[in-house]
Structure formats: C-alpha cells, structure tokens
Amino acid sequence: MSCKECEDDSSNSGPPSYPTTPPPPQPPMCSKRDIYTNTSVFEAIDEVAISMAQSEVTTFTELIRSLTDNARNDIEKARAIYRWITIKNLNVMQFDSHLDRNTPMGLLRGIKYGTESYHVLFKRLCRWDNIQHQDLS
C-alpha cells in the first residue's frame, strides 16, 4: 500500500509551498506504516540531533539549519526537532540567568524553571522551519 501524498518527492527542487493559514484538522491521508515501517529510517536524522544536542547553539536559525539541512521532508524535520529536544537533559544543564528568552537555550532555561513548556519550544522550532502545525485541544 502506498500513499503518494506522504512519500518524499525527490524530484521536487524546493520546499513545498504552504498556505498562509493552516488547514483545519482532519484525519491523516495515510497511516504511519505507509510512511515507514521501521524507525531505523531515522538513524541519520537522530545522529545529527544527538550531535547538535552536545553543542550550545545561540540562534534558532543556526539550530534549525543544522538539524534539518539534510532532512528530505517535514516528517524528518519534525523528528530532528523532537529528538534534539528530548536529548537535552535539563536536570544537569546549567544556564546563565541572563539568557535571552527568545533563543533555544533561553527557552530550555524557561522549561527547566517552569516558565516555558516543551510544547512551546517544539511549536517555535516547527514554525521557524515552516512546518505546518496546529494545536489541538
């Protein structure tokens, strides 16, 4: 079974064009198994995220470019962002108290001290990389 809408189109030379407003929520066009059947397809993406988690990036631009430069589609981009966030161990991280809240490290500091959430960080990083997302309540 194949889901053409979910497959990576390697002949596409540029990023997909997104509408200015996100589409309304709806069931997915295909199942996860139509996209991948084994998480090993994400090994290269995960390696980049693990490597990036070892460094302290100072801007969203630097982080997103480094994390998603080799990603072929939005699923791989979202996976890279998710893995970077989940690899960071806030229990052992030390933060400068004067970090700009509008930086990746500033948001991580906010999460550690309860003024921000992982949800906000994930949303911000997706938005920075033009990944369509929508909050569902």
N, C-alpha and C. Protein backbone atom coordinates (compact mmCIF):
# COMPACT_ATOMS: atom_id res chain seq x y z
N MET A 1 0.85 -1.18 0.00
CA MET A 1 0.00 0.00 0.00
C MET A 1 0.89 1.24 0.00
N SER A 2 0.55 2.21 -0.81
CA SER A 2 1.36 3.42 -0.90
C SER A 2 0.47 4.64 -0.77
N CYS A 3 1.04 5.67 -0.20
CA CYS A 3 0.31 6.92 -0.06
C CYS A 3 1.14 8.00 -0.72
N LYS A 4 0.83 8.33 -1.95
CA LYS A 4 1.63 9.26 -2.75
C LYS A 4 1.80 10.61 -2.06
N GLU A 5 0.76 11.10 -1.38
CA GLU A 5 0.85 12.39 -0.72
C GLU A 5 1.88 12.39 0.40
N CYS A 6 2.14 11.21 0.99
CA CYS A 6 3.05 11.13 2.14
C CYS A 6 4.47 10.81 1.73
N GLU A 7 4.67 10.36 0.51
CA GLU A 7 6.00 9.97 0.08
C GLU A 7 6.86 11.18 -0.21
N ASP A 8 8.16 10.99 -0.06
CA ASP A 8 9.11 12.05 -0.39
C ASP A 8 9.23 12.15 -1.90
N ASP A 9 9.07 13.33 -2.43
CA ASP A 9 9.21 13.56 -3.86
C ASP A 9 10.57 14.16 -4.11
N SER A 10 11.56 13.31 -4.40
CA SER A 10 12.93 13.79 -4.56
C SER A 10 13.11 14.62 -5.82
N SER A 11 12.12 14.60 -6.74
CA SER A 11 12.24 15.43 -7.94
C SER A 11 11.89 16.89 -7.65
N ASN A 12 11.27 17.14 -6.51
CA ASN A 12 10.91 18.50 -6.13
C ASN A 12 12.18 19.22 -5.70
N SER A 13 12.49 20.32 -6.36
CA SER A 13 13.76 21.00 -6.09
C SER A 13 13.68 21.97 -4.93
N GLY A 14 12.51 22.36 -4.51
CA GLY A 14 12.41 23.34 -3.43
C GLY A 14 11.45 22.89 -2.36
N PRO A 15 11.34 23.69 -1.31
CA PRO A 15 10.41 23.33 -0.25
C PRO A 15 8.97 23.46 -0.73
N PRO A 16 8.06 22.71 -0.10
CA PRO A 16 6.67 22.82 -0.51
C PRO A 16 6.14 24.20 -0.20
N SER A 17 5.16 24.64 -0.97
CA SER A 17 4.57 25.94 -0.67
C SER A 17 3.39 25.70 0.27
N TYR A 18 3.37 26.45 1.35
CA TYR A 18 2.34 26.28 2.36
C TYR A 18 1.32 27.39 2.28
N PRO A 19 0.08 27.07 2.64
CA PRO A 19 -0.92 28.14 2.70
C PRO A 19 -0.58 29.09 3.84
N THR A 20 -1.11 30.30 3.78
CA THR A 20 -0.81 31.28 4.82
C THR A 20 -1.46 30.91 6.15
N THR A 21 -2.55 30.18 6.11
CA THR A 21 -3.16 29.68 7.35
C THR A 21 -3.20 28.16 7.28
N PRO A 22 -3.02 27.51 8.42
CA PRO A 22 -3.02 26.04 8.39
C PRO A 22 -4.39 25.49 8.03
N PRO A 23 -4.41 24.34 7.39
CA PRO A 23 -5.70 23.72 7.06
C PRO A 23 -6.38 23.25 8.35
N PRO A 24 -7.68 23.04 8.31
CA PRO A 24 -8.36 22.56 9.51
C PRO A 24 -7.90 21.14 9.84
N PRO A 25 -7.94 20.76 11.11
CA PRO A 25 -7.54 19.39 11.48
C PRO A 25 -8.42 18.36 10.77
N GLN A 26 -7.80 17.28 10.36
CA GLN A 26 -8.52 16.19 9.73
C GLN A 26 -7.71 14.92 9.91
N PRO A 27 -8.34 13.78 9.75
CA PRO A 27 -7.58 12.53 9.87
C PRO A 27 -6.47 12.49 8.83
N PRO A 28 -5.38 11.81 9.12
CA PRO A 28 -4.28 11.73 8.15
C PRO A 28 -4.71 11.02 6.87
N MET A 29 -4.02 11.37 5.78
CA MET A 29 -4.34 10.77 4.49
C MET A 29 -3.81 9.34 4.39
N CYS A 30 -2.86 9.01 5.23
CA CYS A 30 -2.31 7.66 5.21
C CYS A 30 -1.81 7.32 6.61
N SER A 31 -1.54 6.06 6.83
CA SER A 31 -1.10 5.64 8.16
C SER A 31 0.42 5.78 8.28
N LYS A 32 0.88 5.72 9.50
CA LYS A 32 2.31 5.79 9.76
C LYS A 32 3.05 4.67 9.01
N ARG A 33 2.44 3.51 8.94
CA ARG A 33 3.09 2.37 8.26
C ARG A 33 3.24 2.60 6.75
N ASP A 34 2.43 3.49 6.20
CA ASP A 34 2.58 3.83 4.79
C ASP A 34 3.82 4.70 4.56
N ILE A 35 4.27 5.36 5.61
CA ILE A 35 5.42 6.26 5.51
C ILE A 35 6.70 5.53 5.87
N TYR A 36 6.67 4.79 6.98
CA TYR A 36 7.83 4.00 7.38
C TYR A 36 7.37 2.83 8.24
N THR A 37 8.13 1.74 8.20
CA THR A 37 7.78 0.57 9.00
C THR A 37 8.81 0.27 10.06
N ASN A 38 9.92 0.98 10.02
CA ASN A 38 10.99 0.74 10.98
C ASN A 38 11.65 2.07 11.30
N THR A 39 11.86 2.33 12.57
CA THR A 39 12.45 3.62 12.97
C THR A 39 13.91 3.75 12.55
N SER A 40 14.50 2.70 12.02
CA SER A 40 15.88 2.80 11.55
C SER A 40 16.02 3.81 10.41
N VAL A 41 14.91 4.14 9.74
CA VAL A 41 14.97 5.14 8.67
C VAL A 41 15.37 6.50 9.22
N PHE A 42 15.26 6.68 10.53
CA PHE A 42 15.60 7.96 11.15
C PHE A 42 17.00 7.99 11.76
N GLU A 43 17.80 6.94 11.57
CA GLU A 43 19.11 6.88 12.22
C GLU A 43 20.00 8.07 11.88
N ALA A 44 20.07 8.45 10.63
CA ALA A 44 20.92 9.58 10.24
C ALA A 44 20.41 10.88 10.85
N ILE A 45 19.10 11.08 10.83
CA ILE A 45 18.49 12.27 11.42
C ILE A 45 18.77 12.30 12.92
N ASP A 46 18.61 11.15 13.58
CA ASP A 46 18.85 11.08 15.02
C ASP A 46 20.31 11.39 15.36
N GLU A 47 21.23 10.91 14.53
CA GLU A 47 22.66 11.19 14.78
C GLU A 47 22.95 12.68 14.74
N VAL A 48 22.35 13.38 13.80
CA VAL A 48 22.53 14.84 13.71
C VAL A 48 21.98 15.50 14.97
N ALA A 49 20.78 15.08 15.39
CA ALA A 49 20.17 15.67 16.59
C ALA A 49 21.02 15.41 17.83
N ILE A 50 21.55 14.21 17.95
CA ILE A 50 22.41 13.87 19.10
C ILE A 50 23.66 14.73 19.08
N SER A 51 24.25 14.88 17.91
CA SER A 51 25.45 15.72 17.78
C SER A 51 25.15 17.17 18.13
N MET A 52 24.04 17.68 17.61
CA MET A 52 23.67 19.08 17.89
C MET A 52 23.35 19.30 19.36
N ALA A 53 22.84 18.28 20.02
CA ALA A 53 22.48 18.42 21.44
C ALA A 53 23.72 18.60 22.31
N GLN A 54 24.88 18.22 21.79
CA GLN A 54 26.13 18.37 22.54
C GLN A 54 26.65 19.80 22.49
N SER A 55 26.15 20.60 21.58
CA SER A 55 26.62 21.98 21.44
C SER A 55 25.55 22.94 21.94
N GLU A 56 25.97 24.15 22.23
CA GLU A 56 25.03 25.18 22.67
C GLU A 56 24.84 26.17 21.54
N VAL A 57 23.81 25.94 20.75
CA VAL A 57 23.52 26.85 19.64
C VAL A 57 22.91 28.13 20.20
N THR A 58 23.20 29.24 19.54
CA THR A 58 22.76 30.52 20.08
C THR A 58 21.54 31.10 19.38
N THR A 59 21.24 30.63 18.18
CA THR A 59 20.09 31.19 17.47
C THR A 59 19.20 30.07 16.92
N PHE A 60 17.93 30.41 16.72
CA PHE A 60 17.02 29.45 16.11
C PHE A 60 17.45 29.13 14.68
N THR A 61 17.94 30.11 13.97
CA THR A 61 18.39 29.88 12.59
C THR A 61 19.51 28.85 12.55
N GLU A 62 20.51 29.02 13.39
CA GLU A 62 21.63 28.08 13.44
C GLU A 62 21.15 26.68 13.80
N LEU A 63 20.28 26.58 14.79
CA LEU A 63 19.79 25.27 15.23
C LEU A 63 18.99 24.59 14.13
N ILE A 64 18.03 25.28 13.56
CA ILE A 64 17.18 24.67 12.53
C ILE A 64 17.99 24.29 11.30
N ARG A 65 18.87 25.15 10.86
CA ARG A 65 19.70 24.80 9.69
C ARG A 65 20.52 23.55 9.96
N SER A 66 21.13 23.48 11.13
CA SER A 66 21.96 22.33 11.45
C SER A 66 21.14 21.06 11.60
N LEU A 67 19.98 21.16 12.23
CA LEU A 67 19.16 19.97 12.46
C LEU A 67 18.50 19.44 11.19
N THR A 68 18.05 20.33 10.33
CA THR A 68 17.18 19.89 9.23
C THR A 68 17.79 20.05 7.84
N ASP A 69 19.05 20.41 7.77
CA ASP A 69 19.68 20.64 6.47
C ASP A 69 19.58 19.42 5.55
N ASN A 70 19.71 18.22 6.11
CA ASN A 70 19.67 17.01 5.28
C ASN A 70 18.32 16.30 5.31
N ALA A 71 17.34 16.88 5.99
CA ALA A 71 16.01 16.27 6.05
C ALA A 71 15.34 16.39 4.69
N ARG A 72 14.67 15.32 4.29
CA ARG A 72 14.04 15.29 2.98
C ARG A 72 12.58 15.70 2.99
N ASN A 73 11.97 15.73 4.17
CA ASN A 73 10.55 16.07 4.25
C ASN A 73 10.22 16.56 5.66
N ASP A 74 8.98 16.98 5.86
CA ASP A 74 8.57 17.53 7.15
C ASP A 74 8.62 16.50 8.27
N ILE A 75 8.40 15.24 7.95
CA ILE A 75 8.45 14.20 8.98
C ILE A 75 9.87 14.10 9.53
N GLU A 76 10.86 14.11 8.66
CA GLU A 76 12.25 14.05 9.11
C GLU A 76 12.63 15.33 9.87
N LYS A 77 12.13 16.47 9.43
CA LYS A 77 12.41 17.72 10.14
C LYS A 77 11.81 17.68 11.55
N ALA A 78 10.55 17.26 11.64
CA ALA A 78 9.90 17.18 12.95
C ALA A 78 10.61 16.18 13.84
N ARG A 79 11.06 15.08 13.28
CA ARG A 79 11.79 14.07 14.06
C ARG A 79 13.08 14.67 14.60
N ALA A 80 13.83 15.39 13.77
CA ALA A 80 15.09 16.00 14.20
C ALA A 80 14.84 16.99 15.34
N ILE A 81 13.81 17.80 15.22
CA ILE A 81 13.48 18.77 16.27
C ILE A 81 13.10 18.04 17.55
N TYR A 82 12.23 17.04 17.43
CA TYR A 82 11.79 16.26 18.59
C TYR A 82 12.97 15.60 19.29
N ARG A 83 13.84 14.97 18.53
CA ARG A 83 15.00 14.27 19.13
C ARG A 83 15.93 15.26 19.81
N TRP A 84 16.18 16.41 19.21
CA TRP A 84 17.05 17.41 19.84
C TRP A 84 16.47 17.82 21.20
N ILE A 85 15.17 18.06 21.22
CA ILE A 85 14.52 18.47 22.47
C ILE A 85 14.61 17.37 23.52
N THR A 86 14.33 16.13 23.12
CA THR A 86 14.28 15.05 24.10
C THR A 86 15.65 14.58 24.56
N ILE A 87 16.69 14.89 23.82
CA ILE A 87 18.04 14.50 24.23
C ILE A 87 18.58 15.44 25.30
N LYS A 88 18.15 16.68 25.28
CA LYS A 88 18.64 17.66 26.24
C LYS A 88 18.20 17.26 27.65
N ASN A 89 19.15 17.08 28.57
CA ASN A 89 18.85 16.72 29.95
C ASN A 89 18.89 17.98 30.81
N LEU A 90 17.73 18.56 31.03
CA LEU A 90 17.66 19.82 31.76
C LEU A 90 18.09 19.68 33.22
N ASN A 91 18.04 18.47 33.76
CA ASN A 91 18.43 18.27 35.16
C ASN A 91 19.91 18.54 35.39
N VAL A 92 20.73 18.35 34.37
CA VAL A 92 22.17 18.55 34.54
C VAL A 92 22.67 19.83 33.87
N MET A 93 21.81 20.48 33.12
CA MET A 93 22.25 21.69 32.41
C MET A 93 22.27 22.89 33.34
N GLN A 94 23.30 23.71 33.17
CA GLN A 94 23.42 24.98 33.90
C GLN A 94 23.18 26.10 32.90
N PHE A 95 22.41 27.09 33.30
CA PHE A 95 22.07 28.19 32.41
C PHE A 95 22.48 29.52 33.01
N ASP A 96 22.95 30.40 32.17
CA ASP A 96 23.21 31.79 32.56
C ASP A 96 21.85 32.44 32.83
N SER A 97 21.74 33.15 33.92
CA SER A 97 20.45 33.76 34.29
C SER A 97 20.06 34.90 33.36
N HIS A 98 20.98 35.37 32.53
CA HIS A 98 20.69 36.49 31.64
C HIS A 98 20.48 36.06 30.19
N LEU A 99 20.16 34.79 29.98
CA LEU A 99 19.91 34.30 28.62
C LEU A 99 18.68 34.98 28.03
N ASP A 100 18.76 35.31 26.75
CA ASP A 100 17.61 35.86 26.03
C ASP A 100 16.55 34.77 25.93
N ARG A 101 15.33 35.07 26.34
CA ARG A 101 14.24 34.08 26.30
C ARG A 101 13.90 33.67 24.88
N ASN A 102 14.28 34.46 23.90
CA ASN A 102 13.96 34.17 22.51
C ASN A 102 15.10 33.47 21.78
N THR A 103 15.79 32.59 22.49
CA THR A 103 16.83 31.75 21.91
C THR A 103 16.54 30.31 22.32
N PRO A 104 17.10 29.33 21.61
CA PRO A 104 16.88 27.94 22.03
C PRO A 104 17.28 27.69 23.48
N MET A 105 18.45 28.18 23.88
CA MET A 105 18.91 27.96 25.26
C MET A 105 18.04 28.72 26.26
N GLY A 106 17.56 29.89 25.86
CA GLY A 106 16.67 30.65 26.74
C GLY A 106 15.36 29.93 26.98
N LEU A 107 14.82 29.30 25.93
CA LEU A 107 13.59 28.53 26.09
C LEU A 107 13.83 27.28 26.94
N LEU A 108 14.97 26.62 26.74
CA LEU A 108 15.28 25.46 27.58
C LEU A 108 15.40 25.87 29.05
N ARG A 109 16.01 27.02 29.30
CA ARG A 109 16.10 27.52 30.67
C ARG A 109 14.70 27.75 31.23
N GLY A 110 13.82 28.33 30.42
CA GLY A 110 12.44 28.56 30.85
C GLY A 110 11.72 27.26 31.17
N ILE A 111 11.96 26.22 30.39
CA ILE A 111 11.35 24.91 30.66
C ILE A 111 11.85 24.39 32.00
N LYS A 112 13.16 24.49 32.22
CA LYS A 112 13.74 23.99 33.47
C LYS A 112 13.13 24.68 34.68
N TYR A 113 12.89 25.97 34.58
CA TYR A 113 12.38 26.73 35.72
C TYR A 113 10.88 26.96 35.69
N GLY A 114 10.18 26.29 34.77
CA GLY A 114 8.72 26.29 34.79
C GLY A 114 8.04 27.49 34.17
N THR A 115 8.77 28.32 33.43
CA THR A 115 8.13 29.47 32.79
C THR A 115 7.80 29.22 31.32
N GLU A 116 8.29 28.13 30.77
CA GLU A 116 8.00 27.73 29.39
C GLU A 116 7.67 26.24 29.39
N SER A 117 7.31 25.71 28.22
CA SER A 117 6.99 24.29 28.13
C SER A 117 7.66 23.68 26.89
N TYR A 118 7.80 22.36 26.92
CA TYR A 118 8.34 21.66 25.75
C TYR A 118 7.44 21.91 24.54
N HIS A 119 6.16 21.99 24.79
CA HIS A 119 5.19 22.24 23.72
C HIS A 119 5.52 23.55 23.00
N VAL A 120 5.78 24.60 23.78
CA VAL A 120 6.10 25.91 23.19
C VAL A 120 7.39 25.83 22.39
N LEU A 121 8.40 25.15 22.92
CA LEU A 121 9.67 25.01 22.21
C LEU A 121 9.48 24.25 20.90
N PHE A 122 8.77 23.14 20.94
CA PHE A 122 8.54 22.36 19.72
C PHE A 122 7.78 23.20 18.69
N LYS A 123 6.74 23.90 19.13
CA LYS A 123 5.98 24.77 18.23
C LYS A 123 6.86 25.84 17.61
N ARG A 124 7.66 26.48 18.43
CA ARG A 124 8.51 27.57 17.94
C ARG A 124 9.50 27.04 16.90
N LEU A 125 10.10 25.88 17.16
CA LEU A 125 11.07 25.32 16.22
C LEU A 125 10.38 24.89 14.92
N CYS A 126 9.19 24.31 15.02
CA CYS A 126 8.45 23.94 13.80
C CYS A 126 8.12 25.19 13.00
N ARG A 127 7.66 26.21 13.66
CA ARG A 127 7.31 27.46 12.98
C ARG A 127 8.55 28.04 12.30
N TRP A 128 9.70 27.98 12.99
CA TRP A 128 10.93 28.53 12.44
C TRP A 128 11.33 27.82 11.15
N ASP A 129 10.97 26.54 11.04
CA ASP A 129 11.32 25.76 9.85
C ASP A 129 10.14 25.62 8.89
N ASN A 130 9.12 26.43 9.06
CA ASN A 130 7.94 26.41 8.19
C ASN A 130 7.24 25.06 8.14
N ILE A 131 7.22 24.35 9.25
CA ILE A 131 6.48 23.10 9.34
C ILE A 131 5.08 23.44 9.84
N GLN A 132 4.07 23.10 9.03
CA GLN A 132 2.69 23.37 9.43
C GLN A 132 2.38 22.58 10.69
N HIS A 133 1.76 23.24 11.63
CA HIS A 133 1.35 22.59 12.88
C HIS A 133 0.12 23.30 13.39
N GLN A 134 -0.61 22.61 14.21
CA GLN A 134 -1.80 23.21 14.79
C GLN A 134 -2.03 22.61 16.17
N ASP A 135 -2.37 23.46 17.12
CA ASP A 135 -2.68 22.99 18.47
C ASP A 135 -4.06 22.35 18.46
N LEU A 136 -4.16 21.18 19.06
CA LEU A 136 -5.44 20.51 19.21
C LEU A 136 -5.73 20.39 20.70
N SER A 137 -6.92 20.75 21.07
CA SER A 137 -7.30 20.68 22.49
C SER A 137 -8.19 19.50 22.75
